[in-house]
Structures are given as structure tokens and as C-alpha cells.
Amino acid sequence: MQLGTFSISLAVKNLEASREFYEKFGFTPFAGDPTRNWLIMKNGDHVIGLFQGMFEKNILTFNPGWDSNAQQLPEFTDVRELQRQLKARGVELMTEADENTTGPASLIAIDPDGNTILLDQHV
């Protein structure tokens, strides 16, 4: 099962304070819009998203179709196929991708400890 690039989306209280903190670990801004309370930071292939006021808990995020530089992969498993595989394996989904569409779509699952897992396809 190819889930795409992985990042953690952090629910932060203060975007600027979090940016400054993670810069001390070698992360640099990569994408985002601080005026809209979100920023994506990278350190090599490691990616974190900082999101102020957008959600309550941290989220494990996978992006089918993207590499760690948000560039489209030549081949990838579509989120709808991943959804079919997960459901066949008994994973309960909180939200589902529309099987009648193509392109961008997402799904959400919750692990046994209450952690949110987002598969968010942008291509």
C-alpha cells in the first residue's frame, strides 16, 4: 500500500512561536500562508505542518501522488483505491472519498488511540 509522502499536521496555539521553535531544529518554511494561520516546514525529507486554530488535535497526514517536495509522482495509488483496500481490511472510515470522482479527494480514519489519520490527495 503506497500512501504517498508523510507529514504530521500540528495543531499549534501560536504559529509564529511554533515556526521559531522548529527552525531551531533545522526546519525551514516550505509552503503555506501565515496570514491564514498555516505553514509547512521541511528539514530534508521530513515535513511538518503548523496549523493555528484549524483543528483540535494533531493529524498524521499522507499525500498520495506527492513526493516530499509536493511534486506529483509519475505513478501512485489513487486515494479511492487506498480507500477500497482499507475498507476491505476492516478499517472504519470517518469520511470517505467520493468513488465517482477523479483527482483530488481525501479520507479520514481514527486509530484505536484516537489519533486522526488523513489521506489527502491533491492531484
PDB file of N, CA and C in Angstrom:
ATOM      1  N   MET A   1       0.847  -1.167   0.000  1.00  0.00           N
ATOM      2  CA  MET A   1       0.000   0.000   0.000  1.00  0.00           C
ATOM      3  C   MET A   1       0.896   1.234   0.000  1.00  0.00           C
ATOM      4  N   GLN A   2       0.845   2.021  -1.055  1.00  0.00           N
ATOM      5  CA  GLN A   2       1.641   3.235  -1.188  1.00  0.00           C
ATOM      6  C   GLN A   2       0.791   4.439  -0.786  1.00  0.00           C
ATOM      7  N   LEU A   3       1.100   5.024   0.368  1.00  0.00           N
ATOM      8  CA  LEU A   3       0.290   6.112   0.909  1.00  0.00           C
ATOM      9  C   LEU A   3       0.738   7.496   0.464  1.00  0.00           C
ATOM     10  N   GLY A   4       1.896   7.608  -0.159  1.00  0.00           N
ATOM     11  CA  GLY A   4       2.421   8.916  -0.542  1.00  0.00           C
ATOM     12  C   GLY A   4       3.284   9.489   0.561  1.00  0.00           C
ATOM     13  N   THR A   5       3.646  10.741   0.414  1.00  0.00           N
ATOM     14  CA  THR A   5       4.537  11.368   1.390  1.00  0.00           C
ATOM     15  C   THR A   5       3.831  11.520   2.737  1.00  0.00           C
ATOM     16  N   PHE A   6       4.630  11.483   3.809  1.00  0.00           N
ATOM     17  CA  PHE A   6       4.090  11.566   5.168  1.00  0.00           C
ATOM     18  C   PHE A   6       4.497  12.881   5.811  1.00  0.00           C
ATOM     19  N   SER A   7       3.582  13.457   6.565  1.00  0.00           N
ATOM     20  CA  SER A   7       3.894  14.604   7.410  1.00  0.00           C
ATOM     21  C   SER A   7       3.002  14.531   8.635  1.00  0.00           C
ATOM     22  N   ILE A   8       3.362  15.308   9.613  1.00  0.00           N
ATOM     23  CA  ILE A   8       2.487  15.451  10.765  1.00  0.00           C
ATOM     24  C   ILE A   8       1.942  16.867  10.733  1.00  0.00           C
ATOM     25  N   SER A   9       0.652  16.987  10.898  1.00  0.00           N
ATOM     26  CA  SER A   9      -0.013  18.282  10.935  1.00  0.00           C
ATOM     27  C   SER A   9      -0.261  18.613  12.399  1.00  0.00           C
ATOM     28  N   LEU A  10       0.403  19.652  12.874  1.00  0.00           N
ATOM     29  CA  LEU A  10       0.335  20.008  14.284  1.00  0.00           C
ATOM     30  C   LEU A  10      -0.665  21.130  14.519  1.00  0.00           C
ATOM     31  N   ALA A  11      -1.541  20.924  15.477  1.00  0.00           N
ATOM     32  CA  ALA A  11      -2.474  21.973  15.920  1.00  0.00           C
ATOM     33  C   ALA A  11      -1.692  22.843  16.904  1.00  0.00           C
ATOM     34  N   VAL A  12      -1.323  24.051  16.475  1.00  0.00           N
ATOM     35  CA  VAL A  12      -0.483  24.910  17.307  1.00  0.00           C
ATOM     36  C   VAL A  12      -1.292  26.079  17.876  1.00  0.00           C
ATOM     37  N   LYS A  13      -0.842  26.577  19.003  1.00  0.00           N
ATOM     38  CA  LYS A  13      -1.508  27.711  19.652  1.00  0.00           C
ATOM     39  C   LYS A  13      -1.021  29.042  19.109  1.00  0.00           C
ATOM     40  N   ASN A  14       0.268  29.104  18.711  1.00  0.00           N
ATOM     41  CA  ASN A  14       0.856  30.341  18.224  1.00  0.00           C
ATOM     42  C   ASN A  14       1.763  29.989  17.051  1.00  0.00           C
ATOM     43  N   LEU A  15       1.333  30.328  15.839  1.00  0.00           N
ATOM     44  CA  LEU A  15       2.059  29.942  14.628  1.00  0.00           C
ATOM     45  C   LEU A  15       3.483  30.480  14.632  1.00  0.00           C
ATOM     46  N   GLU A  16       3.668  31.727  14.968  1.00  0.00           N
ATOM     47  CA  GLU A  16       4.999  32.335  14.946  1.00  0.00           C
ATOM     48  C   GLU A  16       5.926  31.679  15.966  1.00  0.00           C
ATOM     49  N   ALA A  17       5.428  31.442  17.171  1.00  0.00           N
ATOM     50  CA  ALA A  17       6.254  30.790  18.196  1.00  0.00           C
ATOM     51  C   ALA A  17       6.635  29.373  17.754  1.00  0.00           C
ATOM     52  N   SER A  18       5.704  28.667  17.132  1.00  0.00           N
ATOM     53  CA  SER A  18       5.990  27.310  16.658  1.00  0.00           C
ATOM     54  C   SER A  18       6.993  27.334  15.511  1.00  0.00           C
ATOM     55  N   ARG A  19       6.842  28.286  14.582  1.00  0.00           N
ATOM     56  CA  ARG A  19       7.801  28.412  13.474  1.00  0.00           C
ATOM     57  C   ARG A  19       9.208  28.630  14.033  1.00  0.00           C
ATOM     58  N   GLU A  20       9.337  29.566  14.961  1.00  0.00           N
ATOM     59  CA  GLU A  20      10.645  29.857  15.544  1.00  0.00           C
ATOM     60  C   GLU A  20      11.213  28.630  16.262  1.00  0.00           C
ATOM     61  N   PHE A  21      10.381  27.902  16.973  1.00  0.00           N
ATOM     62  CA  PHE A  21      10.825  26.707  17.682  1.00  0.00           C
ATOM     63  C   PHE A  21      11.353  25.660  16.707  1.00  0.00           C
ATOM     64  N   TYR A  22      10.587  25.329  15.668  1.00  0.00           N
ATOM     65  CA  TYR A  22      11.001  24.280  14.737  1.00  0.00           C
ATOM     66  C   TYR A  22      12.168  24.712  13.857  1.00  0.00           C
ATOM     67  N   GLU A  23      12.363  26.002  13.672  1.00  0.00           N
ATOM     68  CA  GLU A  23      13.557  26.461  12.967  1.00  0.00           C
ATOM     69  C   GLU A  23      14.818  26.099  13.755  1.00  0.00           C
ATOM     70  N   LYS A  24      14.731  26.053  15.071  1.00  0.00           N
ATOM     71  CA  LYS A  24      15.868  25.659  15.905  1.00  0.00           C
ATOM     72  C   LYS A  24      16.248  24.199  15.676  1.00  0.00           C
ATOM     73  N   PHE A  25      15.327  23.401  15.153  1.00  0.00           N
ATOM     74  CA  PHE A  25      15.587  22.003  14.810  1.00  0.00           C
ATOM     75  C   PHE A  25      16.005  21.855  13.353  1.00  0.00           C
ATOM     76  N   GLY A  26      16.182  22.964  12.657  1.00  0.00           N
ATOM     77  CA  GLY A  26      16.627  22.929  11.275  1.00  0.00           C
ATOM     78  C   GLY A  26      15.521  22.937  10.240  1.00  0.00           C
ATOM     79  N   PHE A  27      14.274  23.089  10.658  1.00  0.00           N
ATOM     80  CA  PHE A  27      13.171  23.171   9.704  1.00  0.00           C
ATOM     81  C   PHE A  27      13.131  24.581   9.108  1.00  0.00           C
ATOM     82  N   THR A  28      12.785  24.649   7.812  1.00  0.00           N
ATOM     83  CA  THR A  28      12.630  25.940   7.155  1.00  0.00           C
ATOM     84  C   THR A  28      11.264  25.988   6.477  1.00  0.00           C
ATOM     85  N   PRO A  29      10.684  27.178   6.374  1.00  0.00           N
ATOM     86  CA  PRO A  29       9.386  27.302   5.695  1.00  0.00           C
ATOM     87  C   PRO A  29       9.480  26.799   4.257  1.00  0.00           C
ATOM     88  N   PHE A  30       8.464  26.064   3.844  1.00  0.00           N
ATOM     89  CA  PHE A  30       8.432  25.447   2.519  1.00  0.00           C
ATOM     90  C   PHE A  30       7.212  25.908   1.734  1.00  0.00           C
ATOM     91  N   ALA A  31       6.093  26.017   2.407  1.00  0.00           N
ATOM     92  CA  ALA A  31       4.836  26.408   1.757  1.00  0.00           C
ATOM     93  C   ALA A  31       3.899  26.920   2.844  1.00  0.00           C
ATOM     94  N   GLY A  32       2.758  27.413   2.418  1.00  0.00           N
ATOM     95  CA  GLY A  32       1.763  27.849   3.376  1.00  0.00           C
ATOM     96  C   GLY A  32       1.459  29.328   3.273  1.00  0.00           C
ATOM     97  N   ASP A  33       0.634  29.794   4.191  1.00  0.00           N
ATOM     98  CA  ASP A  33       0.209  31.184   4.220  1.00  0.00           C
ATOM     99  C   ASP A  33       0.030  31.607   5.678  1.00  0.00           C
ATOM    100  N   PRO A  34       1.078  32.166   6.272  1.00  0.00           N
ATOM    101  CA  PRO A  34       0.980  32.572   7.676  1.00  0.00           C
ATOM    102  C   PRO A  34      -0.171  33.544   7.949  1.00  0.00           C
ATOM    103  N   THR A  35      -0.569  34.344   6.957  1.00  0.00           N
ATOM    104  CA  THR A  35      -1.699  35.261   7.170  1.00  0.00           C
ATOM    105  C   THR A  35      -3.014  34.503   7.307  1.00  0.00           C
ATOM    106  N   ARG A  36      -3.010  33.243   6.874  1.00  0.00           N
ATOM    107  CA  ARG A  36      -4.199  32.390   7.011  1.00  0.00           C
ATOM    108  C   ARG A  36      -3.968  31.301   8.055  1.00  0.00           C
ATOM    109  N   ASN A  37      -2.921  31.478   8.879  1.00  0.00           N
ATOM    110  CA  ASN A  37      -2.635  30.636  10.044  1.00  0.00           C
ATOM    111  C   ASN A  37      -2.149  29.227   9.731  1.00  0.00           C
ATOM    112  N   TRP A  38      -1.412  29.045   8.632  1.00  0.00           N
ATOM    113  CA  TRP A  38      -0.813  27.740   8.380  1.00  0.00           C
ATOM    114  C   TRP A  38       0.521  27.889   7.659  1.00  0.00           C
ATOM    115  N   LEU A  39       1.418  26.929   7.943  1.00  0.00           N
ATOM    116  CA  LEU A  39       2.757  26.945   7.386  1.00  0.00           C
ATOM    117  C   LEU A  39       3.264  25.508   7.307  1.00  0.00           C
ATOM    118  N   ILE A  40       3.883  25.161   6.186  1.00  0.00           N
ATOM    119  CA  ILE A  40       4.511  23.856   6.014  1.00  0.00           C
ATOM    120  C   ILE A  40       6.019  24.075   6.110  1.00  0.00           C
ATOM    121  N   MET A  41       6.692  23.238   6.917  1.00  0.00           N
ATOM    122  CA  MET A  41       8.133  23.366   7.107  1.00  0.00           C
ATOM    123  C   MET A  41       8.818  22.049   6.785  1.00  0.00           C
ATOM    124  N   LYS A  42      10.070  22.148   6.311  1.00  0.00           N
ATOM    125  CA  LYS A  42      10.828  20.953   5.934  1.00  0.00           C
ATOM    126  C   LYS A  42      12.204  20.976   6.550  1.00  0.00           C
ATOM    127  N   ASN A  43      12.700  19.779   6.809  1.00  0.00           N
ATOM    128  CA  ASN A  43      14.089  19.538   7.171  1.00  0.00           C
ATOM    129  C   ASN A  43      14.471  18.275   6.404  1.00  0.00           C
ATOM    130  N   GLY A  44      15.156  18.447   5.276  1.00  0.00           N
ATOM    131  CA  GLY A  44      15.420  17.311   4.394  1.00  0.00           C
ATOM    132  C   GLY A  44      14.099  16.783   3.857  1.00  0.00           C
ATOM    133  N   ASP A  45      13.860  15.488   4.023  1.00  0.00           N
ATOM    134  CA  ASP A  45      12.592  14.890   3.585  1.00  0.00           C
ATOM    135  C   ASP A  45      11.520  14.920   4.666  1.00  0.00           C
ATOM    136  N   HIS A  46      11.852  15.439   5.837  1.00  0.00           N
ATOM    137  CA  HIS A  46      10.892  15.490   6.944  1.00  0.00           C
ATOM    138  C   HIS A  46      10.017  16.725   6.805  1.00  0.00           C
ATOM    139  N   VAL A  47       8.700  16.526   6.919  1.00  0.00           N
ATOM    140  CA  VAL A  47       7.747  17.609   6.711  1.00  0.00           C
ATOM    141  C   VAL A  47       6.824  17.705   7.915  1.00  0.00           C
ATOM    142  N   ILE A  48       6.633  18.944   8.390  1.00  0.00           N
ATOM    143  CA  ILE A  48       5.630  19.210   9.419  1.00  0.00           C
ATOM    144  C   ILE A  48       4.750  20.353   8.939  1.00  0.00           C
ATOM    145  N   GLY A  49       3.494  20.269   9.282  1.00  0.00           N
ATOM    146  CA  GLY A  49       2.570  21.352   9.009  1.00  0.00           C
ATOM    147  C   GLY A  49       2.172  21.986  10.325  1.00  0.00           C
ATOM    148  N   LEU A  50       2.181  23.306  10.371  1.00  0.00           N
ATOM    149  CA  LEU A  50       1.755  24.040  11.558  1.00  0.00           C
ATOM    150  C   LEU A  50       0.435  24.726  11.226  1.00  0.00           C
ATOM    151  N   PHE A  51      -0.600  24.448  12.025  1.00  0.00           N
ATOM    152  CA  PHE A  51      -1.936  24.956  11.758  1.00  0.00           C
ATOM    153  C   PHE A  51      -2.509  25.564  13.031  1.00  0.00           C
ATOM    154  N   GLN A  52      -2.707  26.869  13.023  1.00  0.00           N
ATOM    155  CA  GLN A  52      -3.243  27.562  14.191  1.00  0.00           C
ATOM    156  C   GLN A  52      -4.746  27.751  14.043  1.00  0.00           C
ATOM    157  N   GLY A  53      -5.492  27.172  14.999  1.00  0.00           N
ATOM    158  CA  GLY A  53      -6.937  27.368  15.029  1.00  0.00           C
ATOM    159  C   GLY A  53      -7.720  26.629  13.966  1.00  0.00           C
ATOM    160  N   MET A  54      -7.136  25.647  13.324  1.00  0.00           N
ATOM    161  CA  MET A  54      -7.827  24.936  12.247  1.00  0.00           C
ATOM    162  C   MET A  54      -8.400  23.602  12.691  1.00  0.00           C
ATOM    163  N   PHE A  55      -7.781  22.964  13.659  1.00  0.00           N
ATOM    164  CA  PHE A  55      -8.290  21.709  14.196  1.00  0.00           C
ATOM    165  C   PHE A  55      -7.772  21.552  15.612  1.00  0.00           C
ATOM    166  N   GLU A  56      -8.379  20.628  16.360  1.00  0.00           N
ATOM    167  CA  GLU A  56      -8.083  20.495  17.791  1.00  0.00           C
ATOM    168  C   GLU A  56      -6.889  19.608  18.105  1.00  0.00           C
ATOM    169  N   LYS A  57      -6.700  18.567  17.311  1.00  0.00           N
ATOM    170  CA  LYS A  57      -5.654  17.578  17.617  1.00  0.00           C
ATOM    171  C   LYS A  57      -4.686  17.469  16.445  1.00  0.00           C
ATOM    172  N   ASN A  58      -3.514  16.919  16.728  1.00  0.00           N
ATOM    173  CA  ASN A  58      -2.537  16.650  15.686  1.00  0.00           C
ATOM    174  C   ASN A  58      -3.067  15.565  14.749  1.00  0.00           C
ATOM    175  N   ILE A  59      -2.606  15.597  13.502  1.00  0.00           N
ATOM    176  CA  ILE A  59      -3.086  14.668  12.479  1.00  0.00           C
ATOM    177  C   ILE A  59      -1.901  14.047  11.751  1.00  0.00           C
ATOM    178  N   LEU A  60      -1.931  12.728  11.601  1.00  0.00           N
ATOM    179  CA  LEU A  60      -0.970  12.037  10.741  1.00  0.00           C
ATOM    180  C   LEU A  60      -1.477  12.189   9.310  1.00  0.00           C
ATOM    181  N   THR A  61      -0.671  12.788   8.449  1.00  0.00           N
ATOM    182  CA  THR A  61      -1.122  13.110   7.099  1.00  0.00           C
ATOM    183  C   THR A  61      -0.291  12.373   6.056  1.00  0.00           C
ATOM    184  N   PHE A  62      -0.979  11.755   5.104  1.00  0.00           N
ATOM    185  CA  PHE A  62      -0.347  11.115   3.959  1.00  0.00           C
ATOM    186  C   PHE A  62      -0.911  11.773   2.702  1.00  0.00           C
ATOM    187  N   ASN A  63      -0.048  12.040   1.736  1.00  0.00           N
ATOM    188  CA  ASN A  63      -0.476  12.666   0.488  1.00  0.00           C
ATOM    189  C   ASN A  63      -0.193  11.753  -0.697  1.00  0.00           C
ATOM    190  N   PRO A  64      -1.172  10.897  -1.069  1.00  0.00           N
ATOM    191  CA  PRO A  64      -0.984  10.069  -2.255  1.00  0.00           C
ATOM    192  C   PRO A  64      -0.711  10.950  -3.474  1.00  0.00           C
ATOM    193  N   GLY A  65       0.277  10.541  -4.271  1.00  0.00           N
ATOM    194  CA  GLY A  65       0.578  11.262  -5.502  1.00  0.00           C
ATOM    195  C   GLY A  65       1.650  12.314  -5.367  1.00  0.00           C
ATOM    196  N   TRP A  66       2.099  12.595  -4.147  1.00  0.00           N
ATOM    197  CA  TRP A  66       3.134  13.608  -3.935  1.00  0.00           C
ATOM    198  C   TRP A  66       4.392  12.999  -3.362  1.00  0.00           C
ATOM    199  N   ASP A  67       5.541  13.593  -3.739  1.00  0.00           N
ATOM    200  CA  ASP A  67       6.779  13.292  -3.047  1.00  0.00           C
ATOM    201  C   ASP A  67       6.939  14.318  -1.917  1.00  0.00           C
ATOM    202  N   SER A  68       8.053  14.296  -1.207  1.00  0.00           N
ATOM    203  CA  SER A  68       8.221  15.177  -0.047  1.00  0.00           C
ATOM    204  C   SER A  68       8.412  16.643  -0.427  1.00  0.00           C
ATOM    205  N   ASN A  69       8.526  16.928  -1.733  1.00  0.00           N
ATOM    206  CA  ASN A  69       8.615  18.309  -2.207  1.00  0.00           C
ATOM    207  C   ASN A  69       7.312  18.781  -2.836  1.00  0.00           C
ATOM    208  N   ALA A  70       6.222  18.054  -2.567  1.00  0.00           N
ATOM    209  CA  ALA A  70       4.897  18.361  -3.110  1.00  0.00           C
ATOM    210  C   ALA A  70       4.896  18.331  -4.642  1.00  0.00           C
ATOM    211  N   GLN A  71       5.738  17.464  -5.209  1.00  0.00           N
ATOM    212  CA  GLN A  71       5.770  17.269  -6.652  1.00  0.00           C
ATOM    213  C   GLN A  71       5.043  15.976  -6.983  1.00  0.00           C
ATOM    214  N   GLN A  72       4.276  16.010  -8.049  1.00  0.00           N
ATOM    215  CA  GLN A  72       3.496  14.835  -8.422  1.00  0.00           C
ATOM    216  C   GLN A  72       4.397  13.678  -8.819  1.00  0.00           C
ATOM    217  N   LEU A  73       4.068  12.511  -8.290  1.00  0.00           N
ATOM    218  CA  LEU A  73       4.776  11.289  -8.639  1.00  0.00           C
ATOM    219  C   LEU A  73       4.270  10.780  -9.989  1.00  0.00           C
ATOM    220  N   PRO A  74       5.144  10.161 -10.787  1.00  0.00           N
ATOM    221  CA  PRO A  74       4.702   9.651 -12.087  1.00  0.00           C
ATOM    222  C   PRO A  74       3.668   8.529 -11.943  1.00  0.00           C
ATOM    223  N   GLU A  75       3.796   7.750 -10.881  1.00  0.00           N
ATOM    224  CA  GLU A  75       2.839   6.673 -10.606  1.00  0.00           C
ATOM    225  C   GLU A  75       2.512   6.692  -9.120  1.00  0.00           C
ATOM    226  N   PHE A  76       1.256   6.477  -8.798  1.00  0.00           N
ATOM    227  CA  PHE A  76       0.842   6.418  -7.400  1.00  0.00           C
ATOM    228  C   PHE A  76      -0.496   5.713  -7.305  1.00  0.00           C
ATOM    229  N   THR A  77      -0.820   5.293  -6.096  1.00  0.00           N
ATOM    230  CA  THR A  77      -2.099   4.650  -5.840  1.00  0.00           C
ATOM    231  C   THR A  77      -3.113   5.727  -5.464  1.00  0.00           C
ATOM    232  N   ASP A  78      -4.176   5.815  -6.241  1.00  0.00           N
ATOM    233  CA  ASP A  78      -5.222   6.806  -6.009  1.00  0.00           C
ATOM    234  C   ASP A  78      -5.879   6.590  -4.650  1.00  0.00           C
ATOM    235  N   VAL A  79      -6.279   7.677  -4.017  1.00  0.00           N
ATOM    236  CA  VAL A  79      -6.893   7.611  -2.688  1.00  0.00           C
ATOM    237  C   VAL A  79      -8.142   6.733  -2.680  1.00  0.00           C
ATOM    238  N   ARG A  80      -8.860   6.666  -3.793  1.00  0.00           N
ATOM    239  CA  ARG A  80     -10.071   5.841  -3.850  1.00  0.00           C
ATOM    240  C   ARG A  80      -9.717   4.355  -3.798  1.00  0.00           C
ATOM    241  N   GLU A  81      -8.592   3.990  -4.434  1.00  0.00           N
ATOM    242  CA  GLU A  81      -8.117   2.606  -4.359  1.00  0.00           C
ATOM    243  C   GLU A  81      -7.626   2.302  -2.944  1.00  0.00           C
ATOM    244  N   LEU A  82      -6.918   3.235  -2.342  1.00  0.00           N
ATOM    245  CA  LEU A  82      -6.488   3.051  -0.956  1.00  0.00           C
ATOM    246  C   LEU A  82      -7.707   2.878  -0.049  1.00  0.00           C
ATOM    247  N   GLN A  83      -8.743   3.636  -0.300  1.00  0.00           N
ATOM    248  CA  GLN A  83      -9.983   3.531   0.469  1.00  0.00           C
ATOM    249  C   GLN A  83     -10.588   2.142   0.339  1.00  0.00           C
ATOM    250  N   ARG A  84     -10.644   1.627  -0.879  1.00  0.00           N
ATOM    251  CA  ARG A  84     -11.185   0.274  -1.090  1.00  0.00           C
ATOM    252  C   ARG A  84     -10.357  -0.763  -0.326  1.00  0.00           C
ATOM    253  N   GLN A  85      -9.029  -0.625  -0.366  1.00  0.00           N
ATOM    254  CA  GLN A  85      -8.156  -1.560   0.333  1.00  0.00           C
ATOM    255  C   GLN A  85      -8.348  -1.474   1.845  1.00  0.00           C
ATOM    256  N   LEU A  86      -8.428  -0.272   2.367  1.00  0.00           N
ATOM    257  CA  LEU A  86      -8.613  -0.097   3.811  1.00  0.00           C
ATOM    258  C   LEU A  86      -9.944  -0.671   4.273  1.00  0.00           C
ATOM    259  N   LYS A  87     -11.004  -0.397   3.531  1.00  0.00           N
ATOM    260  CA  LYS A  87     -12.319  -0.926   3.894  1.00  0.00           C
ATOM    261  C   LYS A  87     -12.333  -2.449   3.827  1.00  0.00           C
ATOM    262  N   ALA A  88     -11.641  -3.013   2.831  1.00  0.00           N
ATOM    263  CA  ALA A  88     -11.566  -4.475   2.709  1.00  0.00           C
ATOM    264  C   ALA A  88     -10.826  -5.087   3.892  1.00  0.00           C
ATOM    265  N   ARG A  89      -9.946  -4.299   4.506  1.00  0.00           N
ATOM    266  CA  ARG A  89      -9.182  -4.762   5.668  1.00  0.00           C
ATOM    267  C   ARG A  89      -9.895  -4.445   6.982  1.00  0.00           C
ATOM    268  N   GLY A  90     -11.112  -3.928   6.877  1.00  0.00           N
ATOM    269  CA  GLY A  90     -11.912  -3.689   8.070  1.00  0.00           C
ATOM    270  C   GLY A  90     -11.688  -2.347   8.751  1.00  0.00           C
ATOM    271  N   VAL A  91     -11.031  -1.412   8.075  1.00  0.00           N
ATOM    272  CA  VAL A  91     -10.812  -0.096   8.664  1.00  0.00           C
ATOM    273  C   VAL A  91     -12.083   0.728   8.518  1.00  0.00           C
ATOM    274  N   GLU A  92     -12.567   1.256   9.629  1.00  0.00           N
ATOM    275  CA  GLU A  92     -13.739   2.134   9.609  1.00  0.00           C
ATOM    276  C   GLU A  92     -13.284   3.542   9.276  1.00  0.00           C
ATOM    277  N   LEU A  93     -13.934   4.157   8.303  1.00  0.00           N
ATOM    278  CA  LEU A  93     -13.563   5.498   7.879  1.00  0.00           C
ATOM    279  C   LEU A  93     -14.559   6.525   8.424  1.00  0.00           C
ATOM    280  N   MET A  94     -14.024   7.644   8.883  1.00  0.00           N
ATOM    281  CA  MET A  94     -14.864   8.737   9.392  1.00  0.00           C
ATOM    282  C   MET A  94     -15.427   9.560   8.240  1.00  0.00           C
ATOM    283  N   THR A  95     -14.589   9.799   7.224  1.00  0.00           N
ATOM    284  CA  THR A  95     -15.035  10.421   5.977  1.00  0.00           C
ATOM    285  C   THR A  95     -14.448   9.618   4.836  1.00  0.00           C
ATOM    286  N   GLU A  96     -15.109   9.679   3.696  1.00  0.00           N
ATOM    287  CA  GLU A  96     -14.668   8.894   2.548  1.00  0.00           C
ATOM    288  C   GLU A  96     -14.544   9.764   1.310  1.00  0.00           C
ATOM    289  N   ALA A  97     -13.650   9.344   0.408  1.00  0.00           N
ATOM    290  CA  ALA A  97     -13.533   9.966  -0.902  1.00  0.00           C
ATOM    291  C   ALA A  97     -14.717   9.507  -1.753  1.00  0.00           C
ATOM    292  N   ASP A  98     -15.224  10.377  -2.592  1.00  0.00           N
ATOM    293  CA  ASP A  98     -16.324  10.042  -3.493  1.00  0.00           C
ATOM    294  C   ASP A  98     -15.782   9.120  -4.581  1.00  0.00           C
ATOM    295  N   GLU A  99     -16.285   7.899  -4.610  1.00  0.00           N
ATOM    296  CA  GLU A  99     -15.826   6.892  -5.568  1.00  0.00           C
ATOM    297  C   GLU A  99     -16.163   7.254  -7.017  1.00  0.00           C
ATOM    298  N   ASN A 100     -17.065   8.205  -7.224  1.00  0.00           N
ATOM    299  CA  ASN A 100     -17.492   8.578  -8.566  1.00  0.00           C
ATOM    300  C   ASN A 100     -16.706   9.751  -9.138  1.00  0.00           C
ATOM    301  N   THR A 101     -15.616  10.133  -8.472  1.00  0.00           N
ATOM    302  CA  THR A 101     -14.812  11.259  -8.933  1.00  0.00           C
ATOM    303  C   THR A 101     -13.398  10.808  -9.236  1.00  0.00           C
ATOM    304  N   THR A 102     -12.624  11.714  -9.802  1.00  0.00           N
ATOM    305  CA  THR A 102     -11.194  11.516 -10.006  1.00  0.00           C
ATOM    306  C   THR A 102     -10.492  12.757  -9.488  1.00  0.00           C
ATOM    307  N   GLY A 103      -9.180  12.678  -9.353  1.00  0.00           N
ATOM    308  CA  GLY A 103      -8.417  13.838  -8.918  1.00  0.00           C
ATOM    309  C   GLY A 103      -8.418  13.995  -7.408  1.00  0.00           C
ATOM    310  N   PRO A 104      -8.295  15.241  -6.936  1.00  0.00           N
ATOM    311  CA  PRO A 104      -8.188  15.496  -5.500  1.00  0.00           C
ATOM    312  C   PRO A 104      -9.356  14.918  -4.702  1.00  0.00           C
ATOM    313  N   ALA A 105      -9.013  14.309  -3.575  1.00  0.00           N
ATOM    314  CA  ALA A 105     -10.012  13.742  -2.666  1.00  0.00           C
ATOM    315  C   ALA A 105      -9.300  13.344  -1.384  1.00  0.00           C
ATOM    316  N   SER A 106     -10.082  13.054  -0.352  1.00  0.00           N
ATOM    317  CA  SER A 106      -9.466  12.672   0.917  1.00  0.00           C
ATOM    318  C   SER A 106     -10.355  11.707   1.677  1.00  0.00           C
ATOM    319  N   LEU A 107      -9.753  11.096   2.683  1.00  0.00           N
ATOM    320  CA  LEU A 107     -10.486  10.258   3.619  1.00  0.00           C
ATOM    321  C   LEU A 107      -9.846  10.436   4.989  1.00  0.00           C
ATOM    322  N   ILE A 108     -10.618  10.113   6.014  1.00  0.00           N
ATOM    323  CA  ILE A 108     -10.132  10.211   7.391  1.00  0.00           C
ATOM    324  C   ILE A 108     -10.476   8.932   8.129  1.00  0.00           C
ATOM    325  N   ALA A 109      -9.497   8.427   8.882  1.00  0.00           N
ATOM    326  CA  ALA A 109      -9.695   7.296   9.787  1.00  0.00           C
ATOM    327  C   ALA A 109      -9.185   7.710  11.162  1.00  0.00           C
ATOM    328  N   ILE A 110      -9.638   7.027  12.176  1.00  0.00           N
ATOM    329  CA  ILE A 110      -9.191   7.257  13.550  1.00  0.00           C
ATOM    330  C   ILE A 110      -8.584   5.956  14.052  1.00  0.00           C
ATOM    331  N   ASP A 111      -7.349   6.025  14.567  1.00  0.00           N
ATOM    332  CA  ASP A 111      -6.718   4.799  15.067  1.00  0.00           C
ATOM    333  C   ASP A 111      -7.273   4.436  16.447  1.00  0.00           C
ATOM    334  N   PRO A 112      -6.930   3.266  16.985  1.00  0.00           N
ATOM    335  CA  PRO A 112      -7.506   2.819  18.263  1.00  0.00           C
ATOM    336  C   PRO A 112      -7.235   3.757  19.441  1.00  0.00           C
ATOM    337  N   ASP A 113      -6.227   4.632  19.309  1.00  0.00           N
ATOM    338  CA  ASP A 113      -5.914   5.565  20.389  1.00  0.00           C
ATOM    339  C   ASP A 113      -6.499   6.947  20.159  1.00  0.00           C
ATOM    340  N   GLY A 114      -7.324   7.086  19.139  1.00  0.00           N
ATOM    341  CA  GLY A 114      -7.980   8.359  18.876  1.00  0.00           C
ATOM    342  C   GLY A 114      -7.206   9.316  17.992  1.00  0.00           C
ATOM    343  N   ASN A 115      -6.089   8.854  17.413  1.00  0.00           N
ATOM    344  CA  ASN A 115      -5.314   9.700  16.516  1.00  0.00           C
ATOM    345  C   ASN A 115      -5.982   9.766  15.142  1.00  0.00           C
ATOM    346  N   THR A 116      -6.040  10.954  14.590  1.00  0.00           N
ATOM    347  CA  THR A 116      -6.633  11.153  13.284  1.00  0.00           C
ATOM    348  C   THR A 116      -5.595  10.868  12.204  1.00  0.00           C
ATOM    349  N   ILE A 117      -6.009  10.101  11.189  1.00  0.00           N
ATOM    350  CA  ILE A 117      -5.171   9.800  10.035  1.00  0.00           C
ATOM    351  C   ILE A 117      -5.889  10.342   8.804  1.00  0.00           C
ATOM    352  N   LEU A 118      -5.221  11.234   8.102  1.00  0.00           N
ATOM    353  CA  LEU A 118      -5.773  11.871   6.912  1.00  0.00           C
ATOM    354  C   LEU A 118      -5.005  11.427   5.689  1.00  0.00           C
ATOM    355  N   LEU A 119      -5.687  10.882   4.702  1.00  0.00           N
ATOM    356  CA  LEU A 119      -5.116  10.636   3.390  1.00  0.00           C
ATOM    357  C   LEU A 119      -5.680  11.728   2.496  1.00  0.00           C
ATOM    358  N   ASP A 120      -4.828  12.654   2.076  1.00  0.00           N
ATOM    359  CA  ASP A 120      -5.250  13.875   1.402  1.00  0.00           C
ATOM    360  C   ASP A 120      -4.547  13.978   0.053  1.00  0.00           C
ATOM    361  N   GLN A 121      -5.251  13.588  -1.002  1.00  0.00           N
ATOM    362  CA  GLN A 121      -4.681  13.580  -2.356  1.00  0.00           C
ATOM    363  C   GLN A 121      -4.985  14.922  -3.022  1.00  0.00           C
ATOM    364  N   HIS A 122      -3.939  15.583  -3.522  1.00  0.00           N
ATOM    365  CA  HIS A 122      -4.088  16.893  -4.155  1.00  0.00           C
ATOM    366  C   HIS A 122      -4.017  16.837  -5.676  1.00  0.00           C
ATOM    367  N   VAL A 123      -3.724  15.677  -6.238  1.00  0.00           N
ATOM    368  CA  VAL A 123      -3.575  15.559  -7.697  1.00  0.00           C
ATOM    369  C   VAL A 123      -4.609  14.613  -8.263  1.00  0.00           C
TER     370      VAL A 123
END
